[in-house]
Amino acid sequence: MFTLAKKTFNKEALNRILIPLSPFDTFKISKPQKPKKRALTVNQIRQIRDLKDNGVRWNLARDCFMLSFYTFGLNSCDFYTCGKSKGGRLEYERNKTKDRREDFAFMSLKIQKEAIPLIAKYKGKDLMFRFSNMYADAQVLTLPSIKDLNRLESI
């Protein structure tokens, strides 16, 4: 904003300099530290996949995690709004970035065979998944229930 104000109000050709100083010319933003690697091991992913029945919300969390893994990071907001598959591909506009891209953040992913049973389990009528029929919005889909929070505290 400071630079924009200088360009707007200073008229160098007329020798009219209302904002003479440039305090940010010498200011440098330091590079952020490289984030720590947060990838799960193959064994950890298998352990999550193989978790046994622990109630509806726990099973949903496990299934959504595995669906996200099988779909290269599809998030809950996109699960909630994702349209039907076409030709063995999952096609959708990524909610997080669709308003910032000319292609509306169009994504097309080959459906992995491991995802097929989970896709069938949560199959929707009009959308790929039935989460929009189960929850008021995508945020509610990701919220743990009070019962689940109590179970977490006991672990």
C-alpha atoms as a PDB file:
ATOM      1  CA  MET A   1       0.000   0.000   0.000  1.00  0.00           C
ATOM      2  CA  PHE A   2       2.882   2.313   0.784  1.00  0.00           C
ATOM      3  CA  THR A   3       4.381   1.855  -2.675  1.00  0.00           C
ATOM      4  CA  LEU A   4       0.965   2.372  -4.267  1.00  0.00           C
ATOM      5  CA  ALA A   5       0.521   5.618  -2.296  1.00  0.00           C
ATOM      6  CA  LYS A   6       3.941   6.851  -3.522  1.00  0.00           C
ATOM      7  CA  LYS A   7       3.030   6.061  -7.133  1.00  0.00           C
ATOM      8  CA  THR A   8      -0.332   7.773  -6.759  1.00  0.00           C
ATOM      9  CA  PHE A   9       0.663  10.959  -4.931  1.00  0.00           C
ATOM     10  CA  ASN A  10       4.263  11.592  -5.987  1.00  0.00           C
ATOM     11  CA  LYS A  11       4.677  13.358  -9.334  1.00  0.00           C
ATOM     12  CA  GLU A  12       8.408  13.229 -10.086  1.00  0.00           C
ATOM     13  CA  ALA A  13       8.006  14.943 -13.478  1.00  0.00           C
ATOM     14  CA  LEU A  14       6.527  17.959 -11.672  1.00  0.00           C
ATOM     15  CA  ASN A  15       9.060  17.678  -8.816  1.00  0.00           C
ATOM     16  CA  ARG A  16       6.150  17.216  -6.397  1.00  0.00           C
ATOM     17  CA  ILE A  17       7.194  14.565  -3.872  1.00  0.00           C
ATOM     18  CA  LEU A  18       4.616  14.254  -1.099  1.00  0.00           C
ATOM     19  CA  ILE A  19       5.997  10.957   0.209  1.00  0.00           C
ATOM     20  CA  PRO A  20       9.811  11.260   0.100  1.00  0.00           C
ATOM     21  CA  LEU A  21      10.882   8.312   2.230  1.00  0.00           C
ATOM     22  CA  SER A  22      10.966   4.645   1.305  1.00  0.00           C
ATOM     23  CA  PRO A  23      11.336   2.769   4.591  1.00  0.00           C
ATOM     24  CA  PHE A  24      10.656  -0.596   3.013  1.00  0.00           C
ATOM     25  CA  ASP A  25      13.395  -0.450   0.383  1.00  0.00           C
ATOM     26  CA  THR A  26      15.955  -1.878   2.799  1.00  0.00           C
ATOM     27  CA  PHE A  27      13.566  -4.227   4.589  1.00  0.00           C
ATOM     28  CA  LYS A  28      13.948  -7.867   3.601  1.00  0.00           C
ATOM     29  CA  ILE A  29      11.579 -10.658   4.528  1.00  0.00           C
ATOM     30  CA  SER A  30      13.543 -13.666   5.721  1.00  0.00           C
ATOM     31  CA  LYS A  31      12.935 -17.014   4.096  1.00  0.00           C
ATOM     32  CA  PRO A  32      10.720 -19.308   6.161  1.00  0.00           C
ATOM     33  CA  GLN A  33      12.299 -22.402   7.588  1.00  0.00           C
ATOM     34  CA  LYS A  34      11.829 -25.572   5.633  1.00  0.00           C
ATOM     35  CA  PRO A  35       8.909 -27.447   7.216  1.00  0.00           C
ATOM     36  CA  LYS A  36       9.529 -30.753   8.901  1.00  0.00           C
ATOM     37  CA  LYS A  37       8.567 -33.768   6.862  1.00  0.00           C
ATOM     38  CA  ARG A  38       5.100 -34.873   7.948  1.00  0.00           C
ATOM     39  CA  ALA A  39       4.588 -37.905   5.752  1.00  0.00           C
ATOM     40  CA  LEU A  40       3.189 -41.053   7.293  1.00  0.00           C
ATOM     41  CA  THR A  41       4.962 -44.344   6.854  1.00  0.00           C
ATOM     42  CA  VAL A  42       3.453 -47.154   4.812  1.00  0.00           C
ATOM     43  CA  ASN A  43       2.966 -49.082   8.053  1.00  0.00           C
ATOM     44  CA  GLN A  44       1.074 -46.195   9.671  1.00  0.00           C
ATOM     45  CA  ILE A  45      -1.257 -45.935   6.672  1.00  0.00           C
ATOM     46  CA  ARG A  46      -1.874 -49.692   6.799  1.00  0.00           C
ATOM     47  CA  GLN A  47      -2.648 -49.441  10.523  1.00  0.00           C
ATOM     48  CA  ILE A  48      -5.236 -46.731   9.841  1.00  0.00           C
ATOM     49  CA  ARG A  49      -6.709 -48.726   6.942  1.00  0.00           C
ATOM     50  CA  ASP A  50      -6.988 -51.842   9.108  1.00  0.00           C
ATOM     51  CA  LEU A  51      -8.627 -50.178  12.139  1.00  0.00           C
ATOM     52  CA  LYS A  52     -11.622 -52.233  13.221  1.00  0.00           C
ATOM     53  CA  ASP A  53     -15.160 -50.985  13.782  1.00  0.00           C
ATOM     54  CA  ASN A  54     -15.127 -48.300  16.495  1.00  0.00           C
ATOM     55  CA  GLY A  55     -18.476 -46.653  15.834  1.00  0.00           C
ATOM     56  CA  VAL A  56     -19.970 -44.657  13.001  1.00  0.00           C
ATOM     57  CA  ARG A  57     -17.896 -41.456  13.325  1.00  0.00           C
ATOM     58  CA  TRP A  58     -14.605 -43.311  13.847  1.00  0.00           C
ATOM     59  CA  ASN A  59     -15.302 -45.480  10.814  1.00  0.00           C
ATOM     60  CA  LEU A  60     -16.200 -42.384   8.795  1.00  0.00           C
ATOM     61  CA  ALA A  61     -12.928 -40.705   9.826  1.00  0.00           C
ATOM     62  CA  ARG A  62     -10.940 -43.780   8.820  1.00  0.00           C
ATOM     63  CA  ASP A  63     -12.799 -44.090   5.518  1.00  0.00           C
ATOM     64  CA  CYS A  64     -12.418 -40.390   4.676  1.00  0.00           C
ATOM     65  CA  PHE A  65      -8.718 -40.558   5.491  1.00  0.00           C
ATOM     66  CA  MET A  66      -8.275 -43.537   3.193  1.00  0.00           C
ATOM     67  CA  LEU A  67     -10.391 -41.937   0.456  1.00  0.00           C
ATOM     68  CA  SER A  68      -8.228 -38.826   0.715  1.00  0.00           C
ATOM     69  CA  PHE A  69      -5.106 -40.987   0.483  1.00  0.00           C
ATOM     70  CA  TYR A  70      -6.441 -42.915  -2.526  1.00  0.00           C
ATOM     71  CA  THR A  71      -7.458 -39.664  -4.268  1.00  0.00           C
ATOM     72  CA  PHE A  72      -4.142 -37.866  -3.736  1.00  0.00           C
ATOM     73  CA  GLY A  73      -5.387 -35.471  -1.062  1.00  0.00           C
ATOM     74  CA  LEU A  74      -9.052 -34.828  -1.840  1.00  0.00           C
ATOM     75  CA  ASN A  75     -10.314 -32.911   1.203  1.00  0.00           C
ATOM     76  CA  SER A  76     -13.620 -33.034   3.086  1.00  0.00           C
ATOM     77  CA  CYS A  77     -14.996 -29.924   1.390  1.00  0.00           C
ATOM     78  CA  ASP A  78     -14.436 -31.570  -1.983  1.00  0.00           C
ATOM     79  CA  PHE A  79     -15.895 -34.887  -0.742  1.00  0.00           C
ATOM     80  CA  TYR A  80     -18.989 -32.907   0.151  1.00  0.00           C
ATOM     81  CA  THR A  81     -19.445 -31.300  -3.301  1.00  0.00           C
ATOM     82  CA  CYS A  82     -17.778 -33.728  -5.710  1.00  0.00           C
ATOM     83  CA  GLY A  83     -19.844 -34.627  -8.764  1.00  0.00           C
ATOM     84  CA  LYS A  84     -20.247 -38.060 -10.341  1.00  0.00           C
ATOM     85  CA  SER A  85     -17.295 -39.900 -11.836  1.00  0.00           C
ATOM     86  CA  LYS A  86     -16.811 -40.014 -15.603  1.00  0.00           C
ATOM     87  CA  GLY A  87     -15.054 -42.837 -17.388  1.00  0.00           C
ATOM     88  CA  GLY A  88     -13.337 -44.156 -14.283  1.00  0.00           C
ATOM     89  CA  ARG A  89     -12.155 -40.698 -13.339  1.00  0.00           C
ATOM     90  CA  LEU A  90     -13.081 -38.438 -10.454  1.00  0.00           C
ATOM     91  CA  GLU A  91     -13.604 -34.947 -11.881  1.00  0.00           C
ATOM     92  CA  TYR A  92     -14.238 -31.915  -9.696  1.00  0.00           C
ATOM     93  CA  GLU A  93     -13.409 -28.268  -9.130  1.00  0.00           C
ATOM     94  CA  ARG A  94     -11.238 -27.869  -6.046  1.00  0.00           C
ATOM     95  CA  ASN A  95     -13.220 -25.666  -3.644  1.00  0.00           C
ATOM     96  CA  LYS A  96     -10.173 -24.164  -1.960  1.00  0.00           C
ATOM     97  CA  THR A  97      -8.758 -22.593  -5.122  1.00  0.00           C
ATOM     98  CA  LYS A  98     -11.520 -22.549  -7.747  1.00  0.00           C
ATOM     99  CA  ASP A  99     -12.190 -18.815  -7.283  1.00  0.00           C
ATOM    100  CA  ARG A 100      -8.531 -17.948  -7.947  1.00  0.00           C
ATOM    101  CA  ARG A 101      -7.930 -19.886 -11.148  1.00  0.00           C
ATOM    102  CA  GLU A 102      -9.238 -19.450 -14.674  1.00  0.00           C
ATOM    103  CA  ASP A 103      -9.858 -23.195 -14.985  1.00  0.00           C
ATOM    104  CA  PHE A 104     -11.802 -23.138 -11.670  1.00  0.00           C
ATOM    105  CA  ALA A 105      -9.144 -25.517 -10.281  1.00  0.00           C
ATOM    106  CA  PHE A 106     -10.506 -28.390 -12.354  1.00  0.00           C
ATOM    107  CA  MET A 107      -9.067 -31.727 -11.236  1.00  0.00           C
ATOM    108  CA  SER A 108      -9.343 -35.112 -12.909  1.00  0.00           C
ATOM    109  CA  LEU A 109      -8.052 -38.197 -11.108  1.00  0.00           C
ATOM    110  CA  LYS A 110      -8.063 -41.827 -12.091  1.00  0.00           C
ATOM    111  CA  ILE A 111     -10.073 -43.735  -9.494  1.00  0.00           C
ATOM    112  CA  GLN A 112      -7.760 -46.236  -7.821  1.00  0.00           C
ATOM    113  CA  LYS A 113      -9.127 -49.772  -7.402  1.00  0.00           C
ATOM    114  CA  GLU A 114      -8.557 -49.559  -3.624  1.00  0.00           C
ATOM    115  CA  ALA A 115     -10.974 -46.616  -3.448  1.00  0.00           C
ATOM    116  CA  ILE A 116     -13.852 -48.366  -5.226  1.00  0.00           C
ATOM    117  CA  PRO A 117     -15.319 -50.132  -2.135  1.00  0.00           C
ATOM    118  CA  LEU A 118     -15.289 -46.857  -0.164  1.00  0.00           C
ATOM    119  CA  ILE A 119     -16.800 -44.920  -3.044  1.00  0.00           C
ATOM    120  CA  ALA A 120     -19.562 -47.532  -3.237  1.00  0.00           C
ATOM    121  CA  LYS A 121     -20.079 -47.379   0.548  1.00  0.00           C
ATOM    122  CA  TYR A 122     -20.685 -43.607   0.495  1.00  0.00           C
ATOM    123  CA  LYS A 123     -22.223 -43.370  -2.985  1.00  0.00           C
ATOM    124  CA  GLY A 124     -24.580 -40.443  -3.422  1.00  0.00           C
ATOM    125  CA  LYS A 125     -27.632 -40.047  -5.605  1.00  0.00           C
ATOM    126  CA  ASP A 126     -26.772 -36.768  -7.349  1.00  0.00           C
ATOM    127  CA  LEU A 127     -23.171 -36.311  -6.198  1.00  0.00           C
ATOM    128  CA  MET A 128     -20.280 -38.737  -5.946  1.00  0.00           C
ATOM    129  CA  PHE A 129     -20.700 -39.070  -2.180  1.00  0.00           C
ATOM    130  CA  ARG A 130     -23.780 -38.854   0.023  1.00  0.00           C
ATOM    131  CA  PHE A 131     -22.135 -36.592   2.611  1.00  0.00           C
ATOM    132  CA  SER A 132     -24.308 -33.624   1.588  1.00  0.00           C
ATOM    133  CA  ASN A 133     -27.367 -35.716   2.541  1.00  0.00           C
ATOM    134  CA  MET A 134     -25.801 -36.709   5.864  1.00  0.00           C
ATOM    135  CA  TYR A 135     -24.393 -33.355   7.079  1.00  0.00           C
ATOM    136  CA  ALA A 136     -25.501 -29.706   6.950  1.00  0.00           C
ATOM    137  CA  ASP A 137     -22.192 -28.590   5.421  1.00  0.00           C
ATOM    138  CA  ALA A 138     -18.622 -29.751   4.839  1.00  0.00           C
ATOM    139  CA  GLN A 139     -17.422 -28.379   8.195  1.00  0.00           C
ATOM    140  CA  VAL A 140     -19.942 -30.482  10.105  1.00  0.00           C
ATOM    141  CA  LEU A 141     -18.636 -33.528   8.242  1.00  0.00           C
ATOM    142  CA  THR A 142     -15.213 -33.031   9.833  1.00  0.00           C
ATOM    143  CA  LEU A 143     -16.341 -32.194  13.363  1.00  0.00           C
ATOM    144  CA  PRO A 144     -16.027 -34.959  15.948  1.00  0.00           C
ATOM    145  CA  SER A 145     -19.096 -35.774  17.990  1.00  0.00           C
ATOM    146  CA  ILE A 146     -19.156 -35.218  21.772  1.00  0.00           C
ATOM    147  CA  LYS A 147     -19.157 -38.993  22.182  1.00  0.00           C
ATOM    148  CA  ASP A 148     -15.991 -39.247  20.069  1.00  0.00           C
ATOM    149  CA  LEU A 149     -14.293 -36.451  22.015  1.00  0.00           C
ATOM    150  CA  ASN A 150     -15.025 -38.267  25.268  1.00  0.00           C
ATOM    151  CA  ARG A 151     -13.562 -41.464  23.816  1.00  0.00           C
ATOM    152  CA  LEU A 152     -10.414 -39.577  22.777  1.00  0.00           C
ATOM    153  CA  GLU A 153      -9.919 -38.293  26.306  1.00  0.00           C
ATOM    154  CA  SER A 154     -10.003 -41.848  27.649  1.00  0.00           C
ATOM    155  CA  ILE A 155      -7.221 -43.035  25.323  1.00  0.00           C
END
